[in-house]
Amino acid sequence: MTSSSTTALIMAAGEGTRMRSSRPKVLHPVCGRAMITWPILAARSAGVGRIAVIVSPNSDLGDALPEEVETVVQPQSDGTGGAVRAAIGIVRESSEVLVLSGDVPLVSATVISELLSTHRDDKASATVMTAILEDPGAYGRVVRDSGDAVEKIVEAKEAGDATAAELEIKEINSGTYVFSGESLASALDEINSDNAQGEYYLPDVLAVMRGRGERVSAHIAEDTAVNLGVNNKVDLATVETEARRRILEGHMLAGVTIVDPASTWIDADVSIGQDARIEPGTSLRGATEIGAGAEIGPHSTVINSGIGARSRILHSHLVLCEVMEDCQVGPFAYLRPGAQLEDGSKAGTFVEIKNSVIGAGAKVPHLSYIGDADIGKGANLGAGTITANYDGRDKHRTVVGPGARVGVDTMLVAPVEVGADAYTGAGSVIRENVPPGSLAVSRGDQRTIEEYAERRKAREKEEEPDS
């Protein structure tokens, strides 16, 4: 049997009231990725062919679900067994059924693969994923028989649920299972909701299977994160801390230098090339891509952007932009959506760029705003260059040709074009196109008023009120 014949059911119908949030619990992000997406991607990576998420009637998980993931509505909140009963049609169509929890995001593809292997090797009807905890707390204890199969799972939430001997057991139920589809379908017909909560409990099917003489196995996961569930925002912070630790460790083992992991935040979908260096206080978010040998930070934020090899980003904020190879950005630059820096270009101190292309080797060194512009290869924009791109109704584009030199404190009133190798004088307001190789100067003649300071003092003294 291959994993392509396995179906994953992911339970995500819980109300999540303890989150104290209007957002569905499983949509809360964990390192930039919706919580529900973590087990989905893990199941896919483990080779599971069909994935269905069990949701409540009013739940809208929207874009958080990848393509080809099905949803099944659990009509009423009637427990974990009720959730799987809602998907009985899928269960009957499946050779194997893997059951995961949408609020336990750190179950990895490796652990899922190991669980499936144990299930198949043991030829079991059901296999429970378990973990060994030094302090098992209120988790259900796994009681094994003399043949090492699972005899029962004993709850430990209330006094009297388990005996003293059972409470000494350190192997606990993680709430993740794999079943024979046929055995699970028939066992679900035999469980009931005759309990204080009026709910169907999925672990009850294990007793049904045992009563039929079927084997129920357990797979001990070495990774105790299979047990890290999220019920409130304290739990969410705990899970995100562990997820971030694993992400950082993975990048470092792949050859990335992270100077201070404790002050570095990297989302799950970020990719980083070998020999890149991430300085303290840096946040890499979304689907950001960092090239080999790039240096990011300290104190930089990069969101859904690409940074090319050997580029340097210092004390800056970048969002939805593209920085090619060997570029310099910052300190204190702001690159907004649509900004594109081609190879070897520079956006320096207190520079803001949006929806603009800065050509190869071009420089915007400092104190400038460049919006809706195309800056040619090798051009240089002096300090205080401003593109006046908005006339109050429409945005217009500015073009600066290759090799052009724009003087300090120049205002380019779009739409306008400065030709290749052209110059503008300092303090100019350029409203008309500048031909290639020309110099454009636009300013009034200087007027000097001599002895102005003495005259001002005298006037101010005359205007002083009598004491």
Protein backbone atom coordinates (compact mmCIF):
# COMPACT_ATOMS: atom_id res chain seq x y z
CA MET A 1 0.00 0.00 0.00
CA THR A 2 1.34 3.47 -0.88
CA SER A 3 0.60 6.79 0.76
CA SER A 4 -1.35 7.84 -2.33
CA SER A 5 -4.16 5.55 -1.05
CA THR A 6 -4.16 7.33 2.31
CA THR A 7 -6.62 10.08 3.19
CA ALA A 8 -5.87 12.71 5.82
CA LEU A 9 -8.76 14.10 7.84
CA ILE A 10 -7.78 17.28 9.66
CA MET A 11 -10.11 18.33 12.47
CA ALA A 12 -10.69 22.09 12.46
CA ALA A 13 -14.28 22.54 13.60
CA GLY A 14 -13.56 23.67 17.17
CA GLU A 15 -15.03 27.00 18.24
CA GLY A 16 -11.72 28.24 19.70
CA THR A 17 -13.49 30.43 22.26
CA ARG A 18 -10.44 30.47 24.55
CA MET A 19 -8.50 32.35 21.86
CA ARG A 20 -10.66 35.43 22.63
CA SER A 21 -10.59 36.37 18.97
CA SER A 22 -12.99 37.00 16.08
CA ARG A 23 -10.57 35.09 13.85
CA PRO A 24 -11.06 31.29 13.61
CA LYS A 25 -8.45 29.58 15.76
CA VAL A 26 -6.83 27.62 12.94
CA LEU A 27 -6.33 30.81 10.90
CA HIS A 28 -4.04 32.38 13.47
CA PRO A 29 -0.57 32.57 11.93
CA VAL A 30 2.37 30.54 13.12
CA CYS A 31 5.57 32.03 11.68
CA GLY A 32 3.71 33.61 8.78
CA ARG A 33 1.67 30.54 7.86
CA ALA A 34 -1.93 29.87 8.96
CA MET A 35 -2.03 27.23 11.68
CA ILE A 36 -4.21 24.90 9.59
CA THR A 37 -1.72 25.01 6.72
CA TRP A 38 1.03 23.33 8.77
CA PRO A 39 -0.57 19.87 9.11
CA ILE A 40 -1.85 20.05 5.52
CA LEU A 41 1.64 20.62 4.14
CA ALA A 42 3.11 17.98 6.46
CA ALA A 43 0.61 15.39 5.23
CA ARG A 44 1.32 16.31 1.62
CA SER A 45 5.07 16.07 2.17
CA ALA A 46 4.53 12.62 3.65
CA GLY A 47 2.87 11.58 0.39
CA VAL A 48 -0.76 11.54 1.52
CA GLY A 49 -2.90 11.64 -1.59
CA ARG A 50 -6.21 13.07 -0.38
CA ILE A 51 -6.70 15.71 2.30
CA ALA A 52 -9.97 16.91 3.79
CA VAL A 53 -10.45 19.52 6.50
CA ILE A 54 -13.43 19.14 8.82
CA VAL A 55 -14.96 22.55 9.57
CA SER A 56 -17.90 23.98 11.47
CA PRO A 57 -20.97 25.24 9.56
CA ASN A 58 -20.04 28.92 9.89
CA SER A 59 -16.33 28.50 9.30
CA ASP A 60 -14.63 30.19 6.35
CA LEU A 61 -10.99 29.20 6.01
CA GLY A 62 -10.69 31.04 2.70
CA ASP A 63 -7.29 31.17 1.07
CA ALA A 64 -5.58 29.33 3.93
CA LEU A 65 -6.39 25.99 2.29
CA PRO A 66 -4.08 24.97 -0.57
CA GLU A 67 -5.53 23.78 -3.85
CA GLU A 68 -7.22 20.37 -3.99
CA VAL A 69 -7.89 20.31 -0.24
CA GLU A 70 -11.49 19.34 0.43
CA THR A 71 -13.72 20.55 3.25
CA VAL A 72 -16.32 18.59 5.19
CA VAL A 73 -18.86 20.33 7.42
CA GLN A 74 -19.43 18.92 10.92
CA PRO A 75 -23.09 19.92 11.40
CA GLN A 76 -22.92 20.18 15.18
CA SER A 77 -20.22 20.33 17.81
CA ASP A 78 -20.37 16.71 18.94
CA GLY A 79 -16.75 15.78 19.61
CA THR A 80 -13.80 14.30 17.77
CA GLY A 81 -15.76 11.16 16.92
CA GLY A 82 -18.52 13.36 15.55
CA ALA A 83 -16.01 15.15 13.36
CA VAL A 84 -14.86 11.91 11.75
CA ARG A 85 -18.45 10.64 11.50
CA ALA A 86 -19.22 13.77 9.45
CA ALA A 87 -16.67 12.53 6.92
CA ILE A 88 -17.95 8.94 6.87
CA GLY A 89 -18.29 8.96 3.08
CA ILE A 90 -14.61 9.76 2.68
CA VAL A 91 -13.67 7.19 5.33
CA ARG A 92 -15.49 4.46 3.42
CA GLU A 93 -13.68 5.39 0.20
CA SER A 94 -10.22 5.27 1.81
CA SER A 95 -7.84 2.36 2.43
CA GLU A 96 -6.12 4.29 5.23
CA VAL A 97 -7.32 7.29 7.19
CA LEU A 98 -4.84 9.58 8.91
CA VAL A 99 -6.46 11.82 11.54
CA LEU A 100 -4.69 15.06 12.43
CA SER A 101 -5.68 18.11 14.49
CA GLY A 102 -5.73 21.53 12.87
CA ASP A 103 -4.58 23.16 16.10
CA VAL A 104 -1.47 20.97 16.48
CA PRO A 105 0.70 22.57 13.79
CA LEU A 106 4.14 21.09 14.45
CA VAL A 107 3.42 17.51 13.40
CA SER A 108 6.10 16.95 10.77
CA ALA A 109 6.12 14.96 7.55
CA THR A 110 8.83 12.75 9.03
CA VAL A 111 6.72 11.83 12.05
CA ILE A 112 3.67 11.16 9.86
CA SER A 113 5.72 8.87 7.61
CA GLU A 114 7.02 6.97 10.64
CA LEU A 115 3.48 6.59 11.99
CA LEU A 116 2.25 5.19 8.67
CA SER A 117 5.19 2.77 8.51
CA THR A 118 4.47 1.43 12.00
CA HIS A 119 0.80 1.00 11.13
CA ARG A 120 1.61 -0.99 8.00
CA ASP A 121 4.39 -3.06 9.55
CA ASP A 122 2.09 -4.07 12.42
CA LYS A 123 -0.83 -4.75 10.06
CA ALA A 124 -2.93 -2.86 12.59
CA SER A 125 -6.51 -1.65 12.31
CA ALA A 126 -5.53 1.47 14.22
CA THR A 127 -2.27 3.04 15.30
CA VAL A 128 -2.05 5.83 17.85
CA MET A 129 0.77 8.36 17.81
CA THR A 130 2.08 8.70 21.34
CA ALA A 131 4.79 10.61 23.15
CA ILE A 132 6.77 10.07 26.35
CA LEU A 133 6.48 13.00 28.77
CA GLU A 134 8.25 13.32 32.10
CA ASP A 135 5.23 15.21 33.38
CA PRO A 136 2.19 13.74 31.58
CA GLY A 137 -0.23 16.02 33.42
CA ALA A 138 -3.84 15.63 32.26
CA TYR A 139 -3.04 13.85 29.01
CA GLY A 140 -4.66 10.47 28.36
CA ARG A 141 -2.40 7.55 29.33
CA VAL A 142 -1.68 4.73 26.90
CA VAL A 143 -2.09 1.33 28.53
CA ARG A 144 -0.42 -1.52 26.62
CA ASP A 145 -1.04 -5.27 26.88
CA SER A 146 1.55 -8.02 27.22
CA GLY A 147 2.03 -8.06 23.43
CA ASP A 148 2.85 -4.34 23.40
CA ALA A 149 -0.38 -3.48 21.60
CA VAL A 150 -2.65 -0.72 22.92
CA GLU A 151 -5.13 -2.13 25.42
CA LYS A 152 -6.84 1.17 26.18
CA ILE A 153 -6.38 4.90 26.57
CA VAL A 154 -7.27 6.19 30.03
CA GLU A 155 -8.29 9.81 30.52
CA ALA A 156 -6.62 11.74 33.34
CA LYS A 157 -8.47 15.04 33.35
CA GLU A 158 -10.47 14.49 36.51
CA ALA A 159 -9.79 12.75 39.82
CA GLY A 160 -10.81 9.10 39.53
CA ASP A 161 -10.43 8.92 35.75
CA ALA A 162 -7.31 6.77 36.14
CA THR A 163 -5.87 4.56 38.84
CA ALA A 164 -2.69 5.48 40.68
CA ALA A 165 -0.78 2.90 38.64
CA GLU A 166 -2.16 4.29 35.37
CA LEU A 167 -1.19 7.83 36.36
CA GLU A 168 2.41 6.65 36.66
CA ILE A 169 2.44 5.86 32.91
CA LYS A 170 4.41 8.47 30.96
CA GLU A 171 3.27 7.45 27.48
CA ILE A 172 0.42 9.74 26.43
CA ASN A 173 -2.03 9.96 23.54
CA SER A 174 -1.15 12.79 21.13
CA GLY A 175 -4.56 12.74 19.41
CA THR A 176 -3.10 11.71 16.04
CA TYR A 177 -4.13 8.38 14.55
CA VAL A 178 -4.06 6.23 11.44
CA PHE A 179 -6.81 3.69 10.77
CA SER A 180 -7.85 1.08 8.30
CA GLY A 181 -10.66 2.85 6.48
CA GLU A 182 -12.95 -0.17 6.55
CA SER A 183 -12.40 -0.87 10.26
CA LEU A 184 -12.87 2.78 11.18
CA ALA A 185 -16.11 3.09 9.21
CA SER A 186 -17.71 0.12 10.95
CA ALA A 187 -16.40 1.11 14.40
CA LEU A 188 -17.85 4.61 14.08
CA ASP A 189 -21.28 3.02 13.76
CA GLU A 190 -20.85 1.40 17.18
CA ILE A 191 -19.74 4.32 19.35
CA ASN A 192 -22.28 6.54 21.11
CA SER A 193 -22.53 9.91 22.81
CA ASP A 194 -23.79 8.57 26.13
CA ASN A 195 -21.58 10.73 28.34
CA ALA A 196 -21.75 13.95 30.34
CA GLN A 197 -20.75 16.07 27.34
CA GLY A 198 -23.05 14.31 24.90
CA GLU A 199 -20.18 13.91 22.44
CA TYR A 200 -18.67 11.14 20.34
CA TYR A 201 -15.06 10.46 21.31
CA LEU A 202 -12.79 9.15 18.59
CA PRO A 203 -10.66 7.05 21.03
CA ASP A 204 -13.83 5.00 21.71
CA VAL A 205 -13.37 3.29 18.33
CA LEU A 206 -10.16 1.72 19.67
CA ALA A 207 -12.13 -0.24 22.27
CA VAL A 208 -14.54 -1.38 19.55
CA MET A 209 -11.65 -2.64 17.43
CA ARG A 210 -10.02 -4.39 20.40
CA GLY A 211 -13.33 -6.09 21.18
CA ARG A 212 -13.32 -7.54 17.68
CA GLY A 213 -9.84 -8.93 18.18
CA GLU A 214 -8.22 -6.38 15.85
CA ARG A 215 -4.78 -5.01 16.58
CA VAL A 216 -4.40 -1.48 17.91
CA SER A 217 -0.78 -0.33 17.83
CA ALA A 218 1.08 2.71 19.10
CA HIS A 219 3.95 4.63 17.58
CA ILE A 220 6.10 6.63 19.99
CA ALA A 221 7.16 9.90 18.39
CA GLU A 222 10.56 11.09 19.54
CA ASP A 223 9.51 14.64 18.70
CA THR A 224 7.32 15.78 21.60
CA ALA A 225 6.08 18.75 19.54
CA VAL A 226 3.42 16.35 18.20
CA ASN A 227 1.73 17.18 21.47
CA LEU A 228 1.91 20.98 21.30
CA GLY A 229 -1.68 22.04 20.72
CA VAL A 230 -3.10 25.57 20.71
CA ASN A 231 -6.08 26.42 22.90
CA ASN A 232 -5.32 30.05 23.73
CA LYS A 233 -2.83 32.76 22.81
CA VAL A 234 -0.39 31.65 25.48
CA ASP A 235 -0.24 28.28 23.71
CA LEU A 236 0.06 30.08 20.38
CA ALA A 237 3.14 31.95 21.58
CA THR A 238 4.67 28.71 22.87
CA VAL A 239 4.11 26.94 19.55
CA GLU A 240 5.40 29.88 17.52
CA THR A 241 8.55 30.08 19.65
CA GLU A 242 9.28 26.42 18.98
CA ALA A 243 8.45 26.75 15.27
CA ARG A 244 10.78 29.74 14.98
CA ARG A 245 13.56 27.87 16.74
CA ARG A 246 13.26 25.02 14.26
CA ILE A 247 13.18 27.36 11.27
CA LEU A 248 16.31 29.18 12.42
CA GLU A 249 18.10 25.93 13.19
CA GLY A 250 17.28 24.61 9.72
CA HIS A 251 18.73 27.69 8.04
CA MET A 252 21.88 27.62 10.17
CA LEU A 253 22.48 23.95 9.43
CA ALA A 254 22.11 24.82 5.72
CA GLY A 255 24.93 27.36 5.92
CA VAL A 256 23.23 30.63 6.89
CA THR A 257 24.84 32.78 9.59
CA ILE A 258 22.27 34.03 12.10
CA VAL A 259 24.17 36.23 14.50
CA ASP A 260 21.59 36.29 17.30
CA PRO A 261 18.75 33.77 16.91
CA ALA A 262 16.94 35.15 19.95
CA SER A 263 16.34 38.49 18.19
CA THR A 264 15.70 37.15 14.68
CA TRP A 265 12.29 36.29 13.22
CA ILE A 266 12.08 34.24 10.02
CA ASP A 267 8.78 32.98 8.62
CA ALA A 268 8.23 29.41 7.50
CA ASP A 269 8.16 30.15 3.77
CA VAL A 270 11.34 32.24 3.61
CA SER A 271 14.26 30.84 1.59
CA ILE A 272 17.87 31.89 2.28
CA GLY A 273 20.99 31.10 0.27
CA GLN A 274 24.22 29.72 1.64
CA ASP A 275 26.61 32.14 3.38
CA ALA A 276 23.95 34.80 3.82
CA ARG A 277 24.31 36.70 7.10
CA ILE A 278 21.31 37.74 9.17
CA GLU A 279 22.08 40.39 11.76
CA PRO A 280 20.19 40.96 15.06
CA GLY A 281 16.74 42.52 15.10
CA THR A 282 15.89 41.32 11.60
CA SER A 283 12.47 40.05 10.50
CA LEU A 284 12.07 38.11 7.24
CA ARG A 285 8.42 37.54 6.47
CA GLY A 286 6.14 35.93 3.94
CA ALA A 287 7.67 34.34 0.84
CA THR A 288 10.87 36.38 0.99
CA GLU A 289 13.91 35.01 -0.85
CA ILE A 290 17.45 35.92 0.23
CA GLY A 291 20.36 35.21 -2.12
CA ALA A 292 23.68 33.60 -1.27
CA GLY A 293 26.11 35.85 0.57
CA ALA A 294 23.58 38.63 1.18
CA GLU A 295 23.71 40.57 4.46
CA ILE A 296 20.44 41.60 6.07
CA GLY A 297 20.26 43.87 9.11
CA PRO A 298 20.72 44.73 11.80
CA HIS A 299 17.16 45.88 12.43
CA SER A 300 15.74 45.31 8.96
CA THR A 301 12.33 44.02 7.92
CA VAL A 302 11.84 42.31 4.55
CA ILE A 303 8.32 41.24 3.55
CA ASN A 304 7.48 39.16 0.47
CA SER A 305 10.53 40.47 -1.35
CA GLY A 306 13.56 39.13 -3.19
CA ILE A 307 17.12 40.06 -2.22
CA GLY A 308 19.87 39.06 -4.62
CA ALA A 309 23.24 37.53 -3.90
CA ARG A 310 25.73 39.70 -1.99
CA SER A 311 23.30 42.58 -1.52
CA ARG A 312 23.37 44.52 1.75
CA ILE A 313 20.23 45.70 3.58
CA LEU A 314 20.95 47.89 6.62
CA HIS A 315 18.35 49.29 9.07
CA SER A 316 15.63 49.33 6.39
CA HIS A 317 12.07 48.28 5.63
CA LEU A 318 11.24 46.50 2.37
CA VAL A 319 7.88 45.20 1.21
CA LEU A 320 6.87 43.57 -2.09
CA CYS A 321 10.00 44.70 -3.89
CA GLU A 322 12.94 43.19 -5.75
CA VAL A 323 16.59 43.91 -5.01
CA MET A 324 18.99 42.28 -7.45
CA GLU A 325 22.62 41.27 -6.87
CA ASP A 326 25.35 43.43 -5.28
CA CYS A 327 22.98 46.22 -4.25
CA GLN A 328 23.10 48.48 -1.20
CA VAL A 329 20.01 49.57 0.70
CA GLY A 330 19.95 51.85 3.73
CA PRO A 331 20.39 52.73 6.41
CA PHE A 332 16.82 53.85 7.02
CA ALA A 333 15.52 53.24 3.50
CA TYR A 334 11.91 52.35 2.73
CA LEU A 335 11.33 50.27 -0.39
CA ARG A 336 7.62 50.03 -1.12
CA PRO A 337 5.68 47.72 -3.46
CA GLY A 338 6.96 47.69 -7.03
CA ALA A 339 10.43 49.00 -6.21
CA GLN A 340 13.09 47.21 -8.25
CA LEU A 341 16.81 47.72 -7.80
CA GLU A 342 18.88 46.20 -10.59
CA ASP A 343 22.40 44.80 -10.14
CA GLY A 344 24.83 47.03 -8.30
CA SER A 345 22.40 49.87 -7.64
CA LYS A 346 21.97 51.79 -4.41
CA ALA A 347 19.14 53.22 -2.31
CA GLY A 348 20.84 55.06 0.51
CA THR A 349 20.04 56.84 3.75
CA PHE A 350 16.44 58.04 4.19
CA VAL A 351 15.44 57.10 0.65
CA GLU A 352 11.89 56.03 -0.21
CA ILE A 353 11.19 54.24 -3.49
CA LYS A 354 7.90 52.87 -4.81
CA ASN A 355 6.82 51.41 -8.15
CA SER A 356 10.13 52.36 -9.73
CA VAL A 357 13.06 50.70 -11.47
CA ILE A 358 16.55 51.78 -10.42
CA GLY A 359 18.85 50.69 -13.23
CA ALA A 360 22.07 48.73 -12.89
CA GLY A 361 24.73 50.73 -11.07
CA ALA A 362 22.41 53.72 -10.56
CA LYS A 363 22.50 55.50 -7.21
CA VAL A 364 19.92 57.27 -5.09
CA PRO A 365 22.28 58.03 -2.21
CA HIS A 366 20.19 59.91 0.34
CA LEU A 367 17.17 61.98 1.36
CA SER A 368 15.09 61.31 -1.76
CA TYR A 369 11.62 60.16 -2.79
CA ILE A 370 11.40 58.25 -6.06
CA GLY A 371 7.90 57.18 -7.10
CA ASP A 372 6.63 55.88 -10.45
CA ALA A 373 9.98 56.34 -12.12
CA ASP A 374 12.50 54.61 -14.36
CA ILE A 375 16.08 55.49 -13.48
CA GLY A 376 18.59 54.52 -16.16
CA LYS A 377 21.78 52.52 -15.81
CA GLY A 378 24.56 54.38 -14.02
CA ALA A 379 22.47 57.48 -13.27
CA ASN A 380 23.06 59.43 -10.05
CA LEU A 381 20.37 61.33 -8.18
CA GLY A 382 21.63 64.00 -5.80
CA ALA A 383 20.44 64.44 -2.23
CA GLY A 384 16.89 65.72 -1.93
CA THR A 385 15.73 64.56 -5.38
CA ILE A 386 11.95 64.33 -5.48
CA THR A 387 9.67 62.95 -8.19
CA ALA A 388 6.39 64.87 -8.09
CA ASN A 389 4.37 61.99 -9.49
CA TYR A 390 0.82 62.89 -8.43
CA ASP A 391 -1.20 65.83 -9.76
CA GLY A 392 -4.09 65.35 -7.35
CA ARG A 393 -5.97 63.00 -9.64
CA ASP A 394 -3.55 60.79 -11.60
CA LYS A 395 -0.08 59.31 -11.15
CA HIS A 396 2.52 60.13 -13.82
CA ARG A 397 5.87 58.59 -14.61
CA THR A 398 9.36 60.10 -14.55
CA VAL A 399 12.19 58.82 -16.76
CA VAL A 400 15.85 59.52 -16.04
CA GLY A 401 18.15 58.27 -18.78
CA PRO A 402 21.37 56.25 -18.45
CA GLY A 403 24.30 58.18 -17.03
CA ALA A 404 22.23 61.24 -16.14
CA ARG A 405 23.27 63.41 -13.18
CA VAL A 406 20.46 65.01 -11.21
CA GLY A 407 21.67 67.82 -8.96
CA VAL A 408 20.86 68.07 -5.27
CA ASP A 409 17.43 69.34 -4.28
CA THR A 410 15.96 68.80 -7.74
CA MET A 411 12.22 68.35 -8.19
CA LEU A 412 11.14 66.34 -11.24
CA VAL A 413 7.52 67.18 -12.05
CA ALA A 414 6.03 64.20 -13.88
CA PRO A 415 5.44 63.37 -16.63
CA VAL A 416 8.97 64.39 -17.50
CA GLU A 417 12.09 62.84 -18.99
CA VAL A 418 15.74 63.62 -18.35
CA GLY A 419 17.77 62.28 -21.27
CA ALA A 420 20.86 60.08 -21.24
CA ASP A 421 23.98 61.80 -19.83
CA ALA A 422 21.98 64.97 -19.11
CA TYR A 423 22.45 67.18 -16.01
CA THR A 424 20.17 69.25 -13.81
CA GLY A 425 21.45 72.10 -11.68
CA ALA A 426 21.09 72.08 -7.90
CA GLY A 427 17.75 73.37 -6.66
CA SER A 428 16.02 73.06 -10.04
CA VAL A 429 12.35 72.38 -10.67
CA ILE A 430 12.22 70.38 -13.92
CA ARG A 431 8.85 70.59 -15.68
CA GLU A 432 9.97 70.02 -19.27
CA ASN A 433 11.95 67.23 -20.89
CA VAL A 434 15.73 67.60 -20.83
CA PRO A 435 17.43 66.45 -24.07
CA PRO A 436 20.31 63.95 -23.83
CA GLY A 437 23.62 65.51 -22.85
CA SER A 438 22.03 68.82 -21.85
CA LEU A 439 22.11 70.85 -18.64
CA ALA A 440 18.79 72.09 -17.26
CA VAL A 441 18.79 74.86 -14.64
CA SER A 442 15.59 76.29 -13.20
CA ARG A 443 15.92 78.77 -10.37
CA GLY A 444 15.60 82.51 -9.64
CA ASP A 445 18.64 84.79 -9.43
CA GLN A 446 20.11 85.22 -5.97
CA ARG A 447 19.41 88.56 -4.27
CA THR A 448 21.64 89.65 -1.38
CA ILE A 449 20.47 92.29 1.13
CA GLU A 450 23.48 93.67 2.95
CA GLU A 451 23.35 94.60 6.66
CA TYR A 452 20.01 92.79 6.98
CA ALA A 453 20.76 91.42 10.44
CA GLU A 454 21.47 94.91 11.90
CA ARG A 455 18.31 96.35 10.36
CA ARG A 456 16.21 93.49 11.77
CA LYS A 457 17.62 93.97 15.25
CA ALA A 458 16.89 97.69 15.13
CA ARG A 459 13.31 97.09 13.96
CA GLU A 460 12.68 94.52 16.67
CA LYS A 461 14.00 96.93 19.32
CA GLU A 462 11.63 99.68 18.14
CA GLU A 463 8.73 97.25 18.36
CA GLU A 464 9.45 96.25 21.96
CA PRO A 465 6.68 97.43 24.35
CA ASP A 466 7.54 100.02 26.96
CA SER A 467 8.33 98.48 30.32
